[in-house]
Amino acid sequence: MLTERSSNATYLASFTPALASTTRLVLYNNEAKSAFPAMRGAVTLLGTGSPRHKDGPGLSAEFDEPGGLSIAYRKLCIADTNNHATRTADLESSEVATLVMNGI
């Protein structure tokens, strides 16, 4: 998975091969957005934009400076930097949860 950084945004090449050349998943302003560079537009998928920590449905979830993305097992994994947490978002339901790792 190719990731690139540009100023205040992190881009992850689309995980949908048919859309890979036309869309990017972007972390910006405490939100995850689907960006369409050719159309100069974006749609918020996850987050309210408020710098807090809150799990729940995608558009009501809150992040604080998310800085990295990965996809595994139909989950989007998000490095939520200022919350010192790894967050997951289900790719089908958009439900956001904090990954709990016991014994580490």
Protein backbone atom coordinates (compact mmCIF):
# COMPACT_ATOMS: atom_id res chain seq x y z
CA MET A 1 0.00 0.00 0.00
CA LEU A 2 1.56 3.27 -1.08
CA THR A 3 1.33 6.20 1.33
CA GLU A 4 2.50 9.73 0.58
CA ARG A 5 2.59 12.89 2.71
CA SER A 6 1.91 16.41 1.52
CA SER A 7 1.86 19.39 3.91
CA ASN A 8 -0.85 18.62 6.50
CA ALA A 9 -2.47 15.61 4.82
CA THR A 10 -1.69 11.91 4.60
CA TYR A 11 -2.83 10.08 1.47
CA LEU A 12 -3.39 6.37 1.01
CA ALA A 13 -3.95 5.01 -2.48
CA SER A 14 -7.51 3.79 -2.80
CA PHE A 15 -8.12 0.18 -1.77
CA THR A 16 -10.69 -0.17 -4.54
CA PRO A 17 -8.72 -0.98 -7.72
CA ALA A 18 -11.38 0.51 -10.02
CA LEU A 19 -11.10 3.85 -8.18
CA ALA A 20 -7.34 3.84 -7.54
CA SER A 21 -6.59 6.40 -10.24
CA THR A 22 -9.42 8.78 -9.28
CA THR A 23 -9.71 8.84 -5.49
CA ARG A 24 -7.52 8.98 -2.38
CA LEU A 25 -8.22 8.41 1.30
CA VAL A 26 -6.97 11.50 3.13
CA LEU A 27 -6.40 12.28 6.81
CA TYR A 28 -6.85 16.02 7.31
CA ASN A 29 -8.18 18.28 10.07
CA ASN A 30 -8.95 15.33 12.41
CA GLU A 31 -11.08 13.61 9.74
CA ALA A 32 -10.73 10.83 7.17
CA LYS A 33 -11.93 11.97 3.77
CA SER A 34 -12.35 10.46 0.34
CA ALA A 35 -10.71 12.95 -2.00
CA PHE A 36 -11.32 13.25 -5.73
CA PRO A 37 -8.34 15.24 -7.08
CA ALA A 38 -9.65 15.45 -10.64
CA MET A 39 -12.90 17.00 -9.39
CA ARG A 40 -11.13 19.08 -6.68
CA GLY A 41 -13.55 17.75 -4.07
CA ALA A 42 -13.68 15.59 -0.94
CA VAL A 43 -16.28 13.84 1.20
CA THR A 44 -15.87 13.26 4.95
CA LEU A 45 -16.06 9.56 5.80
CA LEU A 46 -14.94 9.53 9.45
CA GLY A 47 -14.65 12.16 12.16
CA THR A 48 -16.20 15.45 13.22
CA GLY A 49 -13.08 17.58 12.91
CA SER A 50 -12.97 18.13 16.70
CA PRO A 51 -9.64 17.12 18.31
CA ARG A 52 -10.97 14.61 20.83
CA HIS A 53 -11.22 10.84 21.39
CA LYS A 54 -14.62 9.28 20.73
CA ASP A 55 -15.57 5.91 19.27
CA GLY A 56 -18.85 5.27 17.47
CA PRO A 57 -20.47 5.72 14.06
CA GLY A 58 -18.07 7.13 11.47
CA LEU A 59 -19.32 10.70 11.22
CA SER A 60 -19.64 11.13 15.01
CA ALA A 61 -16.24 9.59 15.85
CA GLU A 62 -13.46 11.96 16.91
CA PHE A 63 -9.69 11.83 16.34
CA ASP A 64 -6.80 14.04 17.45
CA GLU A 65 -4.13 14.41 14.76
CA PRO A 66 -4.50 11.06 12.98
CA GLY A 67 -1.25 10.47 11.17
CA GLY A 68 -1.13 7.04 9.54
CA LEU A 69 -3.33 4.56 7.70
CA SER A 70 -3.33 0.86 6.96
CA ILE A 71 -5.93 -1.65 5.84
CA ALA A 72 -6.14 -5.18 7.24
CA TYR A 73 -8.96 -7.72 7.57
CA ARG A 74 -11.63 -5.34 6.20
CA LYS A 75 -10.66 -2.72 8.78
CA LEU A 76 -9.04 0.65 8.28
CA CYS A 77 -6.38 1.10 10.97
CA ILE A 78 -5.66 4.70 11.97
CA ALA A 79 -2.73 5.95 14.06
CA ASP A 80 -4.47 8.53 16.27
CA THR A 81 -1.31 10.39 17.25
CA ASN A 82 -2.32 12.80 20.03
CA ASN A 83 -4.66 10.26 21.60
CA HIS A 84 -1.78 7.73 21.69
CA ALA A 85 -4.16 5.13 20.27
CA THR A 86 -4.68 2.84 17.32
CA ARG A 87 -8.22 3.19 16.03
CA THR A 88 -10.08 0.91 13.64
CA ALA A 89 -12.94 1.65 11.27
CA ASP A 90 -15.00 -1.17 9.81
CA LEU A 91 -14.99 -0.77 6.01
CA GLU A 92 -18.64 -1.83 5.72
CA SER A 93 -20.33 -0.14 8.68
CA SER A 94 -17.87 2.77 9.26
CA GLU A 95 -18.01 2.03 13.00
CA VAL A 96 -14.89 3.40 14.75
CA ALA A 97 -13.37 1.64 17.77
CA THR A 98 -10.16 1.89 19.78
CA LEU A 99 -7.91 -1.14 19.41
CA VAL A 100 -7.19 -2.63 22.84
CA MET A 101 -3.99 -4.62 23.23
CA ASN A 102 -3.75 -6.41 26.57
CA GLY A 103 -0.44 -7.66 27.93
CA ILE A 104 1.83 -5.36 25.95
